[in-house]
N, C-alpha and C. Protein backbone atom coordinates (compact mmCIF):
# COMPACT_ATOMS: atom_id res chain seq x y z
N MET A 1 105.27 132.66 90.21
CA MET A 1 105.72 131.58 91.04
C MET A 1 107.16 131.24 90.65
N ALA A 2 108.02 131.13 91.64
CA ALA A 2 109.41 130.76 91.40
C ALA A 2 109.53 129.25 91.32
N LYS A 3 110.35 128.78 90.39
CA LYS A 3 110.58 127.35 90.24
C LYS A 3 112.06 127.07 90.38
N VAL A 4 112.36 125.88 90.87
CA VAL A 4 113.73 125.40 90.95
C VAL A 4 113.89 124.34 89.88
N ALA A 5 114.81 124.54 88.99
CA ALA A 5 114.98 123.61 87.86
C ALA A 5 115.73 122.35 88.29
N VAL A 6 115.28 121.24 87.74
CA VAL A 6 115.95 119.96 87.92
C VAL A 6 116.30 119.46 86.53
N LYS A 7 117.57 119.12 86.32
CA LYS A 7 118.05 118.78 84.97
C LYS A 7 117.52 117.45 84.46
N THR A 8 117.55 116.41 85.29
CA THR A 8 117.09 115.09 84.86
C THR A 8 116.29 114.45 86.00
N THR A 9 115.60 113.37 85.69
CA THR A 9 114.86 112.65 86.73
C THR A 9 115.82 112.05 87.76
N ALA A 10 117.06 111.81 87.38
CA ALA A 10 118.06 111.29 88.32
C ALA A 10 118.38 112.30 89.41
N ASP A 11 118.09 113.58 89.15
CA ASP A 11 118.34 114.62 90.14
C ASP A 11 117.21 114.73 91.17
N TRP A 12 116.16 113.95 91.00
CA TRP A 12 115.06 113.95 91.94
C TRP A 12 115.14 112.68 92.77
N SER A 13 114.32 112.51 93.77
CA SER A 13 114.54 111.45 94.75
C SER A 13 113.62 110.23 94.61
N ASP A 14 112.95 110.08 93.51
CA ASP A 14 112.06 108.93 93.34
C ASP A 14 112.81 107.59 93.39
N TYR A 15 114.13 107.62 93.20
CA TYR A 15 114.92 106.39 93.27
C TYR A 15 114.79 105.70 94.62
N VAL A 16 114.35 106.42 95.63
CA VAL A 16 114.17 105.83 96.95
C VAL A 16 113.14 104.70 96.90
N PHE A 17 112.21 104.78 95.97
CA PHE A 17 111.16 103.77 95.87
C PHE A 17 111.51 102.61 94.94
N ASP A 18 112.70 102.63 94.36
CA ASP A 18 113.14 101.50 93.54
C ASP A 18 113.37 100.28 94.43
N ASN A 19 113.09 99.11 93.88
CA ASN A 19 113.26 97.87 94.65
C ASN A 19 114.69 97.65 95.10
N ASN A 20 115.66 98.17 94.37
CA ASN A 20 117.06 97.94 94.71
C ASN A 20 117.64 99.04 95.62
N TYR A 21 116.80 100.00 96.06
CA TYR A 21 117.29 101.05 96.96
C TYR A 21 117.54 100.45 98.34
N LYS A 22 118.71 100.70 98.89
CA LYS A 22 119.05 100.16 100.19
C LYS A 22 118.77 101.21 101.26
N LEU A 23 117.65 101.05 101.92
CA LEU A 23 117.27 101.93 103.01
C LEU A 23 118.17 101.61 104.21
N PRO A 24 118.82 102.61 104.77
CA PRO A 24 119.69 102.32 105.93
C PRO A 24 118.89 101.68 107.07
N THR A 25 119.52 100.77 107.78
CA THR A 25 118.86 100.18 108.94
C THR A 25 118.74 101.24 110.02
N PHE A 26 117.84 101.00 110.98
CA PHE A 26 117.70 101.94 112.08
C PHE A 26 119.01 102.08 112.85
N ASN A 27 119.72 100.97 113.03
CA ASN A 27 121.00 101.01 113.74
C ASN A 27 122.03 101.84 112.99
N ASP A 28 122.10 101.66 111.67
CA ASP A 28 123.04 102.45 110.86
C ASP A 28 122.69 103.93 110.92
N LEU A 29 121.41 104.22 110.84
CA LEU A 29 120.95 105.61 110.89
C LEU A 29 121.31 106.24 112.23
N GLU A 30 121.02 105.53 113.31
CA GLU A 30 121.32 106.05 114.63
C GLU A 30 122.83 106.24 114.83
N SER A 31 123.61 105.27 114.39
CA SER A 31 125.07 105.38 114.52
C SER A 31 125.60 106.59 113.77
N TYR A 32 125.12 106.78 112.54
CA TYR A 32 125.58 107.92 111.74
C TYR A 32 125.23 109.24 112.43
N ILE A 33 124.00 109.35 112.91
CA ILE A 33 123.56 110.58 113.57
C ILE A 33 124.37 110.84 114.84
N ASN A 34 124.57 109.80 115.63
CA ASN A 34 125.34 109.96 116.86
C ASN A 34 126.78 110.39 116.59
N LYS A 35 127.36 109.85 115.53
CA LYS A 35 128.75 110.16 115.21
C LYS A 35 128.89 111.54 114.56
N ASN A 36 127.99 111.87 113.61
CA ASN A 36 128.16 113.06 112.78
C ASN A 36 127.26 114.24 113.15
N LYS A 37 126.24 113.99 113.95
CA LYS A 37 125.31 115.03 114.41
C LYS A 37 124.51 115.68 113.28
N HIS A 38 124.30 114.91 112.21
CA HIS A 38 123.40 115.33 111.12
C HIS A 38 123.07 114.09 110.30
N LEU A 39 122.09 114.21 109.42
CA LEU A 39 121.69 113.08 108.57
C LEU A 39 122.72 112.82 107.49
N SER A 40 122.81 111.56 107.09
CA SER A 40 123.71 111.22 105.98
C SER A 40 123.24 111.89 104.70
N ASP A 41 124.16 112.25 103.87
CA ASP A 41 123.90 112.90 102.58
C ASP A 41 123.35 114.32 102.70
N VAL A 42 123.21 114.81 103.92
CA VAL A 42 122.76 116.18 104.14
C VAL A 42 123.94 116.94 104.72
N PRO A 43 124.27 118.08 104.15
CA PRO A 43 125.43 118.81 104.67
C PRO A 43 125.21 119.27 106.11
N SER A 44 126.27 119.26 106.86
CA SER A 44 126.20 119.77 108.23
C SER A 44 126.07 121.29 108.19
N ALA A 45 125.68 121.86 109.32
CA ALA A 45 125.59 123.32 109.41
C ALA A 45 126.94 123.95 109.11
N GLU A 46 128.00 123.32 109.61
CA GLU A 46 129.36 123.84 109.36
C GLU A 46 129.68 123.83 107.87
N ASP A 47 129.32 122.75 107.18
CA ASP A 47 129.57 122.68 105.73
C ASP A 47 128.79 123.75 104.98
N VAL A 48 127.55 123.98 105.38
CA VAL A 48 126.73 125.00 104.71
C VAL A 48 127.37 126.38 104.88
N VAL A 49 127.84 126.66 106.08
CA VAL A 49 128.48 127.95 106.34
C VAL A 49 129.77 128.07 105.54
N CYS A 50 130.61 127.03 105.58
CA CYS A 50 131.90 127.07 104.88
C CYS A 50 131.73 127.17 103.37
N ASP A 51 130.67 126.53 102.84
CA ASP A 51 130.45 126.54 101.39
C ASP A 51 129.68 127.78 100.94
N GLY A 52 129.28 128.61 101.87
CA GLY A 52 128.56 129.83 101.51
C GLY A 52 127.10 129.59 101.16
N GLY A 53 126.54 128.48 101.61
CA GLY A 53 125.13 128.19 101.36
C GLY A 53 124.95 126.83 100.71
N VAL A 54 123.76 126.62 100.15
CA VAL A 54 123.42 125.36 99.50
C VAL A 54 122.76 125.62 98.15
N ASP A 55 122.86 124.64 97.28
CA ASP A 55 122.13 124.66 96.02
C ASP A 55 120.69 124.30 96.36
N VAL A 56 119.77 125.21 96.15
CA VAL A 56 118.38 125.02 96.56
C VAL A 56 117.75 123.80 95.89
N ALA A 57 118.00 123.59 94.62
CA ALA A 57 117.42 122.44 93.92
C ALA A 57 117.94 121.13 94.50
N LYS A 58 119.25 121.06 94.73
CA LYS A 58 119.83 119.83 95.29
C LYS A 58 119.34 119.60 96.72
N MET A 59 119.25 120.66 97.49
CA MET A 59 118.80 120.52 98.87
C MET A 59 117.33 120.11 98.93
N ASP A 60 116.52 120.67 98.05
CA ASP A 60 115.11 120.30 98.01
C ASP A 60 114.96 118.82 97.68
N ALA A 61 115.72 118.35 96.70
CA ALA A 61 115.66 116.93 96.33
C ALA A 61 116.16 116.06 97.48
N LYS A 62 117.20 116.50 98.17
CA LYS A 62 117.75 115.74 99.28
C LYS A 62 116.76 115.67 100.44
N LEU A 63 116.10 116.79 100.73
CA LEU A 63 115.10 116.78 101.79
C LEU A 63 113.91 115.90 101.43
N LEU A 64 113.51 115.90 100.16
CA LEU A 64 112.44 115.01 99.72
C LEU A 64 112.87 113.55 99.88
N GLN A 65 114.14 113.25 99.57
CA GLN A 65 114.65 111.89 99.77
C GLN A 65 114.47 111.47 101.23
N LYS A 66 114.81 112.35 102.15
CA LYS A 66 114.70 112.03 103.56
C LYS A 66 113.24 111.85 103.97
N ILE A 67 112.33 112.64 103.41
CA ILE A 67 110.91 112.47 103.69
C ILE A 67 110.43 111.13 103.15
N GLU A 68 110.85 110.79 101.95
CA GLU A 68 110.45 109.51 101.35
C GLU A 68 111.01 108.35 102.17
N GLU A 69 112.25 108.47 102.64
CA GLU A 69 112.82 107.43 103.50
C GLU A 69 112.00 107.29 104.79
N LEU A 70 111.59 108.41 105.36
CA LEU A 70 110.76 108.36 106.56
C LEU A 70 109.46 107.60 106.30
N ASN A 71 108.87 107.83 105.14
CA ASN A 71 107.65 107.10 104.80
C ASN A 71 107.91 105.61 104.69
N LEU A 72 109.04 105.24 104.11
CA LEU A 72 109.39 103.81 104.03
C LEU A 72 109.60 103.21 105.41
N TYR A 73 110.22 103.97 106.32
CA TYR A 73 110.39 103.50 107.69
C TYR A 73 109.03 103.31 108.37
N VAL A 74 108.12 104.25 108.16
CA VAL A 74 106.78 104.14 108.76
C VAL A 74 106.07 102.89 108.23
N ILE A 75 106.15 102.64 106.93
CA ILE A 75 105.54 101.45 106.35
C ILE A 75 106.15 100.20 106.96
N GLN A 76 107.47 100.19 107.09
CA GLN A 76 108.18 99.05 107.67
C GLN A 76 107.71 98.83 109.12
N LEU A 77 107.62 99.89 109.89
CA LEU A 77 107.19 99.76 111.28
C LEU A 77 105.74 99.30 111.39
N GLU A 78 104.90 99.77 110.48
CA GLU A 78 103.49 99.34 110.48
C GLU A 78 103.39 97.85 110.23
N LYS A 79 104.18 97.33 109.30
CA LYS A 79 104.18 95.89 109.03
C LYS A 79 104.64 95.11 110.26
N GLU A 80 105.67 95.61 110.93
CA GLU A 80 106.16 94.95 112.15
C GLU A 80 105.09 94.99 113.24
N ASN A 81 104.39 96.12 113.37
CA ASN A 81 103.33 96.25 114.37
C ASN A 81 102.21 95.25 114.11
N LYS A 82 101.84 95.08 112.85
CA LYS A 82 100.77 94.13 112.52
C LYS A 82 101.18 92.70 112.88
N LYS A 83 102.43 92.34 112.60
CA LYS A 83 102.92 91.01 112.98
C LYS A 83 102.89 90.83 114.49
N GLN A 84 103.28 91.86 115.22
CA GLN A 84 103.27 91.79 116.68
C GLN A 84 101.84 91.71 117.21
N ASP A 85 100.92 92.41 116.58
CA ASP A 85 99.51 92.34 116.99
C ASP A 85 98.98 90.93 116.85
N VAL A 86 99.31 90.26 115.74
CA VAL A 86 98.87 88.89 115.53
C VAL A 86 99.48 87.97 116.60
N LEU A 87 100.76 88.15 116.88
CA LEU A 87 101.44 87.35 117.88
C LEU A 87 100.83 87.58 119.27
N ILE A 88 100.58 88.82 119.62
CA ILE A 88 99.98 89.15 120.92
C ILE A 88 98.59 88.54 121.03
N GLU A 89 97.82 88.66 119.97
CA GLU A 89 96.46 88.09 119.96
C GLU A 89 96.52 86.58 120.22
N GLY A 90 97.44 85.90 119.55
CA GLY A 90 97.61 84.46 119.76
C GLY A 90 98.01 84.13 121.17
N LEU A 91 98.92 84.90 121.73
CA LEU A 91 99.36 84.67 123.11
C LEU A 91 98.23 84.92 124.10
N LEU A 92 97.43 85.96 123.86
CA LEU A 92 96.30 86.24 124.74
C LEU A 92 95.29 85.10 124.73
N LYS A 93 95.03 84.53 123.56
CA LYS A 93 94.11 83.41 123.46
C LYS A 93 94.64 82.21 124.23
N LYS A 94 95.95 81.95 124.13
CA LYS A 94 96.55 80.84 124.88
C LYS A 94 96.43 81.05 126.37
N VAL A 95 96.64 82.28 126.84
CA VAL A 95 96.56 82.59 128.26
C VAL A 95 95.13 82.40 128.75
N LYS A 96 94.15 82.85 127.97
CA LYS A 96 92.75 82.72 128.36
C LYS A 96 92.33 81.27 128.42
N ASN A 97 92.88 80.42 127.56
CA ASN A 97 92.51 79.01 127.50
C ASN A 97 93.17 78.18 128.60
N ASN A 98 94.16 78.72 129.26
CA ASN A 98 94.85 77.95 130.31
C ASN A 98 94.34 78.29 131.67
């Protein structure tokens, strides 16, 4: 089995789950993608070609960071959905009572 070496824990993406990690807002994310046509902190296709490729360990950690960020976004959206469900339920009860 081939392994990709990581020098320190700082080279891995668990920092995404630290309380002080600033997850980009949806608006910031969308603006960056619209402007640059790729994700932030991920090299563009042009950069990969010009640089002659990517460091597999760094790219793997970066892709994991993006997956972890997606999970945080899903958790955030689930919390918002639950709040909206409670609000909708309350509004439906008011409508039925009137």
